Amino acid sequence: MSSQTLEKDRIIAPENQVRESFAVDWRKYDGERVIASNGGAIYLVLNGQLQWIPNPETYNNLFASWNGVVVSDYLVDNVPRGPALTSGAVLAKGNGAAPEYLVSNGTKQWIPNPDTFKKFAFNAGKVVTVPQIVIDYVPSGPNVG
């Protein structure tokens, strides 16, 4: 490979941008629903990762309204990508216990407290109650928030 090829393909980034990209704790944006300024996909920032919300039905299963979606090219371009939410992801709880979960990608993710539930703008009216045995047998993933 010649040095000319390397020069042509090199991208120059200001040092402060390079440092920031390594130093940002993207979890500080957890709970944000974001979209790029040109429209398109809507993402949820969850555990420091952008997770694509695949369709309006999934969005409506989870969130109280479409208000509060943040238009941010910065977040869409820089937050690391995580797995997309499962189409049809739901909020669920067992009929024998109070904990509420985000169920997506074959795992349940515990929503640990009302403040986290509110931070994520989840819709309490959309929590599905299922037999406790169903919740017990869904593998646990990382907690929400």
C-alpha atoms as a PDB file:
ATOM      1  CA  MET A   1       0.000   0.000   0.000  1.00  0.00           C
ATOM      2  CA  SER A   2       1.486   3.329  -0.982  1.00  0.00           C
ATOM      3  CA  SER A   3       1.651   6.383   1.223  1.00  0.00           C
ATOM      4  CA  GLN A   4      -0.473   8.227  -1.377  1.00  0.00           C
ATOM      5  CA  THR A   5      -3.327   5.765  -0.821  1.00  0.00           C
ATOM      6  CA  LEU A   6      -3.085   6.217   2.937  1.00  0.00           C
ATOM      7  CA  GLU A   7      -3.084  10.025   2.627  1.00  0.00           C
ATOM      8  CA  LYS A   8      -6.122   9.992   0.350  1.00  0.00           C
ATOM      9  CA  ASP A   9      -8.168   7.810   2.724  1.00  0.00           C
ATOM     10  CA  ARG A  10      -7.182   9.584   5.922  1.00  0.00           C
ATOM     11  CA  ILE A  11      -9.759  11.649   7.779  1.00  0.00           C
ATOM     12  CA  ILE A  12      -8.464  14.478   9.927  1.00  0.00           C
ATOM     13  CA  ALA A  13     -10.365  15.071  13.170  1.00  0.00           C
ATOM     14  CA  PRO A  14      -9.598  17.820  15.668  1.00  0.00           C
ATOM     15  CA  GLU A  15      -7.858  16.446  18.744  1.00  0.00           C
ATOM     16  CA  ASN A  16     -10.638  17.570  21.082  1.00  0.00           C
ATOM     17  CA  GLN A  17     -13.210  15.563  19.067  1.00  0.00           C
ATOM     18  CA  VAL A  18     -11.044  12.471  19.247  1.00  0.00           C
ATOM     19  CA  ARG A  19     -10.581  12.847  23.018  1.00  0.00           C
ATOM     20  CA  GLU A  20     -14.287  13.483  23.554  1.00  0.00           C
ATOM     21  CA  SER A  21     -15.320  10.412  21.589  1.00  0.00           C
ATOM     22  CA  PHE A  22     -13.349   8.246  24.004  1.00  0.00           C
ATOM     23  CA  ALA A  23     -14.380  10.114  27.153  1.00  0.00           C
ATOM     24  CA  VAL A  24     -18.149  10.485  26.786  1.00  0.00           C
ATOM     25  CA  ASP A  25     -20.306   8.406  29.096  1.00  0.00           C
ATOM     26  CA  TRP A  26     -23.219   8.004  26.725  1.00  0.00           C
ATOM     27  CA  ARG A  27     -25.406   6.638  29.541  1.00  0.00           C
ATOM     28  CA  LYS A  28     -26.034  10.242  30.573  1.00  0.00           C
ATOM     29  CA  TYR A  29     -28.408  10.353  27.596  1.00  0.00           C
ATOM     30  CA  ASP A  30     -30.339   7.241  28.690  1.00  0.00           C
ATOM     31  CA  GLY A  31     -34.053   7.719  28.233  1.00  0.00           C
ATOM     32  CA  GLU A  32     -33.744  10.147  25.329  1.00  0.00           C
ATOM     33  CA  ARG A  33     -35.730   9.345  22.223  1.00  0.00           C
ATOM     34  CA  VAL A  34     -33.798  10.855  19.311  1.00  0.00           C
ATOM     35  CA  ILE A  35     -34.126  11.440  15.605  1.00  0.00           C
ATOM     36  CA  ALA A  36     -31.782  13.075  13.066  1.00  0.00           C
ATOM     37  CA  SER A  37     -32.671  16.511  11.680  1.00  0.00           C
ATOM     38  CA  ASN A  38     -33.449  14.976   8.291  1.00  0.00           C
ATOM     39  CA  GLY A  39     -36.028  12.645   9.857  1.00  0.00           C
ATOM     40  CA  GLY A  40     -35.931   8.917   9.464  1.00  0.00           C
ATOM     41  CA  ALA A  41     -35.370   6.430  12.249  1.00  0.00           C
ATOM     42  CA  ILE A  42     -36.212   7.130  15.873  1.00  0.00           C
ATOM     43  CA  TYR A  43     -33.885   5.692  18.499  1.00  0.00           C
ATOM     44  CA  LEU A  44     -33.990   5.137  22.242  1.00  0.00           C
ATOM     45  CA  VAL A  45     -30.775   5.720  24.180  1.00  0.00           C
ATOM     46  CA  LEU A  46     -30.610   2.713  26.504  1.00  0.00           C
ATOM     47  CA  ASN A  47     -27.542   1.748  28.524  1.00  0.00           C
ATOM     48  CA  GLY A  48     -25.445   4.225  26.558  1.00  0.00           C
ATOM     49  CA  GLN A  49     -26.429   2.838  23.164  1.00  0.00           C
ATOM     50  CA  LEU A  50     -28.778   3.947  20.401  1.00  0.00           C
ATOM     51  CA  GLN A  51     -31.443   1.317  19.944  1.00  0.00           C
ATOM     52  CA  TRP A  52     -33.598   1.680  16.854  1.00  0.00           C
ATOM     53  CA  ILE A  53     -37.353   1.679  17.452  1.00  0.00           C
ATOM     54  CA  PRO A  54     -38.445  -0.354  14.418  1.00  0.00           C
ATOM     55  CA  ASN A  55     -42.011   0.874  13.895  1.00  0.00           C
ATOM     56  CA  PRO A  56     -44.800   3.084  15.289  1.00  0.00           C
ATOM     57  CA  GLU A  57     -46.538   0.106  16.915  1.00  0.00           C
ATOM     58  CA  THR A  58     -43.470  -0.669  19.014  1.00  0.00           C
ATOM     59  CA  TYR A  59     -43.081   3.010  19.907  1.00  0.00           C
ATOM     60  CA  ASN A  60     -46.722   3.187  20.998  1.00  0.00           C
ATOM     61  CA  ASN A  61     -46.321  -0.009  23.081  1.00  0.00           C
ATOM     62  CA  LEU A  62     -43.713   1.763  25.194  1.00  0.00           C
ATOM     63  CA  PHE A  63     -44.064   5.524  25.320  1.00  0.00           C
ATOM     64  CA  ALA A  64     -46.694   7.925  26.625  1.00  0.00           C
ATOM     65  CA  SER A  65     -46.596  10.219  23.574  1.00  0.00           C
ATOM     66  CA  TRP A  66     -44.566  11.371  20.603  1.00  0.00           C
ATOM     67  CA  ASN A  67     -43.792  14.616  22.431  1.00  0.00           C
ATOM     68  CA  GLY A  68     -40.264  14.910  23.736  1.00  0.00           C
ATOM     69  CA  VAL A  69     -38.460  13.233  20.825  1.00  0.00           C
ATOM     70  CA  VAL A  70     -35.144  15.101  20.595  1.00  0.00           C
ATOM     71  CA  VAL A  71     -33.864  16.173  17.179  1.00  0.00           C
ATOM     72  CA  SER A  72     -30.093  15.686  17.467  1.00  0.00           C
ATOM     73  CA  ASP A  73     -27.649  14.897  14.694  1.00  0.00           C
ATOM     74  CA  TYR A  74     -24.914  14.848  17.341  1.00  0.00           C
ATOM     75  CA  LEU A  75     -26.500  11.971  19.257  1.00  0.00           C
ATOM     76  CA  VAL A  76     -27.542  10.033  16.148  1.00  0.00           C
ATOM     77  CA  ASP A  77     -24.036  10.354  14.706  1.00  0.00           C
ATOM     78  CA  ASN A  78     -22.029   9.677  17.871  1.00  0.00           C
ATOM     79  CA  VAL A  79     -23.810   7.451  20.383  1.00  0.00           C
ATOM     80  CA  PRO A  80     -22.704   3.838  19.806  1.00  0.00           C
ATOM     81  CA  ARG A  81     -25.308   1.630  18.113  1.00  0.00           C
ATOM     82  CA  GLY A  82     -26.832  -1.173  20.101  1.00  0.00           C
ATOM     83  CA  PRO A  83     -29.313  -3.822  19.058  1.00  0.00           C
ATOM     84  CA  ALA A  84     -32.627  -2.611  17.685  1.00  0.00           C
ATOM     85  CA  LEU A  85     -35.610  -3.006  19.944  1.00  0.00           C
ATOM     86  CA  THR A  86     -37.657  -6.035  18.970  1.00  0.00           C
ATOM     87  CA  SER A  87     -40.673  -5.248  16.833  1.00  0.00           C
ATOM     88  CA  GLY A  88     -43.515  -5.505  19.322  1.00  0.00           C
ATOM     89  CA  ALA A  89     -41.339  -4.885  22.410  1.00  0.00           C
ATOM     90  CA  VAL A  90     -43.539  -4.373  25.472  1.00  0.00           C
ATOM     91  CA  LEU A  91     -43.612  -3.200  29.049  1.00  0.00           C
ATOM     92  CA  ALA A  92     -44.637  -6.117  31.258  1.00  0.00           C
ATOM     93  CA  LYS A  93     -45.025  -7.286  34.819  1.00  0.00           C
ATOM     94  CA  GLY A  94     -46.016 -10.554  36.421  1.00  0.00           C
ATOM     95  CA  ASN A  95     -49.354 -10.903  38.139  1.00  0.00           C
ATOM     96  CA  GLY A  96     -47.608 -11.926  41.358  1.00  0.00           C
ATOM     97  CA  ALA A  97     -45.137  -9.063  41.736  1.00  0.00           C
ATOM     98  CA  ALA A  98     -44.748  -5.335  41.216  1.00  0.00           C
ATOM     99  CA  PRO A  99     -41.494  -5.083  39.216  1.00  0.00           C
ATOM    100  CA  GLU A 100     -41.992  -3.755  35.711  1.00  0.00           C
ATOM    101  CA  TYR A 101     -39.777  -4.705  32.789  1.00  0.00           C
ATOM    102  CA  LEU A 102     -38.947  -3.686  29.253  1.00  0.00           C
ATOM    103  CA  VAL A 103     -39.181  -6.926  27.278  1.00  0.00           C
ATOM    104  CA  SER A 104     -37.160  -6.868  24.061  1.00  0.00           C
ATOM    105  CA  ASN A 105     -34.699  -9.110  22.239  1.00  0.00           C
ATOM    106  CA  GLY A 106     -35.706 -12.150  24.270  1.00  0.00           C
ATOM    107  CA  THR A 107     -34.827 -10.581  27.631  1.00  0.00           C
ATOM    108  CA  LYS A 108     -36.560  -8.692  30.409  1.00  0.00           C
ATOM    109  CA  GLN A 109     -34.854  -5.532  31.590  1.00  0.00           C
ATOM    110  CA  TRP A 110     -35.918  -4.396  35.035  1.00  0.00           C
ATOM    111  CA  ILE A 111     -37.120  -0.802  35.366  1.00  0.00           C
ATOM    112  CA  PRO A 112     -35.849  -0.273  38.924  1.00  0.00           C
ATOM    113  CA  ASN A 113     -37.950   2.663  40.137  1.00  0.00           C
ATOM    114  CA  PRO A 114     -40.629   5.217  39.226  1.00  0.00           C
ATOM    115  CA  ASP A 115     -38.009   7.891  38.465  1.00  0.00           C
ATOM    116  CA  THR A 116     -36.455   5.671  35.782  1.00  0.00           C
ATOM    117  CA  PHE A 117     -39.904   4.859  34.389  1.00  0.00           C
ATOM    118  CA  LYS A 118     -40.598   8.603  34.144  1.00  0.00           C
ATOM    119  CA  LYS A 119     -37.139   9.454  32.757  1.00  0.00           C
ATOM    120  CA  PHE A 120     -37.764   7.068  29.859  1.00  0.00           C
ATOM    121  CA  ALA A 121     -41.290   8.494  29.328  1.00  0.00           C
ATOM    122  CA  PHE A 122     -42.722   4.983  29.453  1.00  0.00           C
ATOM    123  CA  ASN A 123     -46.503   4.701  29.387  1.00  0.00           C
ATOM    124  CA  ALA A 124     -47.855   3.139  32.598  1.00  0.00           C
ATOM    125  CA  GLY A 125     -51.119   2.419  30.802  1.00  0.00           C
ATOM    126  CA  LYS A 126     -49.294   0.122  28.382  1.00  0.00           C
ATOM    127  CA  VAL A 127     -47.789  -2.238  30.990  1.00  0.00           C
ATOM    128  CA  VAL A 128     -49.051  -5.737  30.193  1.00  0.00           C
ATOM    129  CA  THR A 129     -49.734  -8.075  33.124  1.00  0.00           C
ATOM    130  CA  VAL A 130     -48.804 -11.685  32.366  1.00  0.00           C
ATOM    131  CA  PRO A 131     -48.687 -14.837  34.498  1.00  0.00           C
ATOM    132  CA  GLN A 132     -45.740 -14.618  36.903  1.00  0.00           C
ATOM    133  CA  ILE A 133     -44.275 -17.840  35.490  1.00  0.00           C
ATOM    134  CA  VAL A 134     -43.874 -16.123  32.103  1.00  0.00           C
ATOM    135  CA  ILE A 135     -41.848 -13.279  33.637  1.00  0.00           C
ATOM    136  CA  ASP A 136     -39.827 -15.741  35.731  1.00  0.00           C
ATOM    137  CA  TYR A 137     -38.733 -17.699  32.656  1.00  0.00           C
ATOM    138  CA  VAL A 138     -37.726 -14.751  30.477  1.00  0.00           C
ATOM    139  CA  PRO A 139     -33.946 -14.337  30.822  1.00  0.00           C
ATOM    140  CA  SER A 140     -32.809 -11.151  32.558  1.00  0.00           C
ATOM    141  CA  GLY A 141     -30.868  -8.523  30.656  1.00  0.00           C
ATOM    142  CA  PRO A 142     -29.258  -5.342  31.975  1.00  0.00           C
ATOM    143  CA  ASN A 143     -31.447  -3.027  34.018  1.00  0.00           C
ATOM    144  CA  VAL A 144     -33.040  -0.033  32.317  1.00  0.00           C
ATOM    145  CA  GLY A 145     -31.268   3.190  33.259  1.00  0.00           C
END
